[in-house]
Protein backbone atom coordinates (compact mmCIF):
# COMPACT_ATOMS: atom_id res chain seq x y z
CA MET A 1 100.52 130.03 149.18
CA MET A 2 98.98 127.51 146.67
CA ASN A 3 101.27 126.50 143.77
CA PHE A 4 99.11 127.15 140.70
CA ALA A 5 99.61 125.59 137.11
CA SER A 6 100.81 128.57 135.47
CA THR A 7 102.44 127.07 132.30
CA PRO A 8 101.06 124.52 129.91
CA LYS A 9 102.74 121.10 130.15
CA PHE A 10 103.01 117.94 128.15
CA ASN A 11 103.16 115.25 130.75
CA GLY A 12 103.93 112.23 128.59
CA TYR A 13 102.04 109.80 126.40
CA GLN A 14 100.77 107.83 129.39
CA SER A 15 99.38 110.88 131.18
CA SER A 16 95.70 111.78 131.01
CA ASP A 17 96.55 115.30 132.04
CA LEU A 18 95.77 116.90 128.68
CA HIS A 19 92.81 118.32 126.93
CA ALA A 20 91.60 117.73 123.34
CA TRP A 21 89.39 119.97 121.10
CA VAL A 22 88.47 120.26 117.48
CA GLU A 23 89.95 123.15 115.38
CA LEU A 24 88.37 124.37 112.06
CA GLU A 25 90.43 125.58 109.22
CA ASN A 26 89.73 129.18 110.20
CA GLY A 27 91.27 128.55 113.64
CA LYS A 28 87.71 128.47 115.43
CA VAL A 29 87.85 125.96 118.48
CA MET A 30 84.88 123.77 119.08
CA ASP A 31 85.04 122.60 122.62
CA TYR A 32 82.57 122.08 125.56
CA PRO A 33 80.61 125.18 126.40
CA THR A 34 82.57 127.71 128.48
CA LYS A 35 80.03 127.63 131.26
CA LEU A 36 80.58 123.84 131.65
CA LEU A 37 84.38 123.89 131.57
CA LYS A 38 84.65 126.74 134.07
CA SER A 39 82.26 125.01 136.36
CA GLN A 40 84.80 122.06 136.62
CA CYS A 41 87.53 124.34 137.75
CA MET A 42 88.18 126.20 141.06
CA LEU A 43 89.70 129.06 139.20
CA GLY A 44 87.50 128.85 136.02
CA THR A 45 86.61 132.03 134.12
CA ASP A 46 85.03 133.00 130.84
CA ASP A 47 88.26 133.68 129.09
CA LEU A 48 90.05 130.58 127.96
CA LYS A 49 93.39 129.88 126.61
CA TYR A 50 94.15 126.89 124.30
CA VAL A 51 97.85 125.85 123.94
CA ALA A 52 98.53 122.89 121.51
CA PHE A 53 101.32 120.56 122.35
CA ASP A 54 104.13 120.31 119.84
CA ASP A 55 103.46 118.93 116.38
CA LYS A 56 105.74 115.94 117.16
CA HIS A 57 103.35 114.74 119.93
CA GLN A 58 99.97 115.40 117.97
CA GLN A 59 100.07 112.29 115.86
CA LYS A 60 101.28 109.79 118.53
CA LEU A 61 98.34 111.15 120.78
CA ILE A 62 95.95 110.76 118.04
CA ASP A 63 97.04 107.20 117.49
CA ILE A 64 96.90 106.40 121.28
CA TYR A 65 93.58 107.85 121.81
CA THR A 66 91.94 106.64 118.57
CA GLU A 67 92.80 103.23 119.78
CA LYS A 68 91.10 104.04 123.22
CA PHE A 69 88.25 105.50 121.51
CA ASN A 70 87.64 102.50 119.18
CA GLU A 71 87.77 100.13 122.22
CA LYS A 72 85.25 102.15 124.15
CA LEU A 73 83.05 103.05 121.13
CA LYS A 74 81.40 99.64 121.06
CA LEU A 75 80.52 99.81 124.78
CA GLY A 76 79.20 103.47 124.30
CA VAL A 77 76.96 102.33 121.29
CA GLU A 78 75.74 99.30 123.34
CA ARG A 79 74.88 101.49 126.24
CA LYS A 80 73.50 104.35 124.05
CA ILE A 81 75.84 106.91 125.68
CA VAL A 82 77.87 108.07 122.68
CA GLU A 83 75.55 111.07 122.03
CA THR A 84 74.92 111.77 125.81
CA THR A 85 77.93 110.99 127.96
CA TYR A 86 80.72 111.23 125.38
CA ILE A 87 79.36 114.59 123.94
CA THR A 88 78.15 116.44 127.07
CA THR A 89 80.29 115.10 130.08
CA ILE A 90 83.56 116.55 130.94
CA GLY A 91 86.29 113.99 131.14
CA TYR A 92 85.67 112.66 127.60
CA CYS A 93 87.19 115.37 125.57
CA TYR A 94 89.02 113.09 123.13
CA PHE A 95 85.90 110.94 122.47
CA ARG A 96 83.97 114.16 122.07
CA SER A 97 86.58 115.54 119.64
CA ILE A 98 86.71 112.37 117.52
CA ILE A 99 82.96 112.25 117.28
CA ILE A 100 82.60 115.97 116.23
CA HIS A 101 85.59 115.65 113.89
CA ASN A 102 83.89 112.62 112.11
CA LYS A 103 80.74 114.46 111.88
CA LEU A 104 82.24 117.47 110.36
CA LYS A 105 84.19 115.31 107.85
CA GLU A 106 80.86 113.61 106.89
CA LYS A 107 79.67 117.12 106.02
CA GLY A 108 82.76 118.00 104.11
CA ILE A 109 83.99 120.47 106.69
CA LYS A 110 87.86 120.32 107.29
CA SER A 111 88.89 120.25 110.91
CA LYS A 112 91.47 118.68 113.08
CA ILE A 113 91.86 117.15 116.46
CA VAL A 114 94.34 119.07 118.73
CA PHE A 115 95.80 117.92 121.92
CA GLY A 116 97.14 120.53 124.49
CA SER A 117 96.59 122.50 127.52
CA LEU A 118 93.44 124.46 128.41
CA GLY A 119 93.80 127.40 130.86
CA PHE A 120 91.58 130.12 132.43
CA ILE A 121 92.85 133.51 132.09
CA GLN A 122 92.60 135.21 135.42
CA GLY A 123 91.77 138.93 136.28
CA ASN A 124 95.37 139.89 136.53
CA GLY A 125 96.35 138.35 133.19
CA SER A 126 97.75 135.18 134.53
CA VAL A 127 96.54 131.79 133.30
CA PHE A 128 95.61 128.85 135.36
CA TYR A 129 95.95 125.58 133.35
CA GLU A 130 93.54 123.04 134.66
CA PHE A 131 93.61 120.53 131.89
CA GLY A 132 97.18 119.73 130.47
């Protein structure tokens, strides 16, 4: 029997096994389209479960990934892939989140970037965590 990731897990600051999304003040999550997310997972479903890592990890992860983002942003702008690759391709969730967060901020819309785990709720009610 396969061992499935049935609990969200913080794997440390150096691990890329995490997910990032934008959350509006009203709690609405802004993420990749569900259809795209589930297409990347063997056990993907239409029912998603987001679990944020502890608050103590959020700011440190923001600092780490902001530095990575700033390093990569110049390359992305040079190659004109910021609005294509970084926004539409799975695997750039933090880059996507910071871009969306900044665009919302420019419009006066309050939001925050959240790091955590993303799972897919299965037919039996269990959750398979693919990211984080």
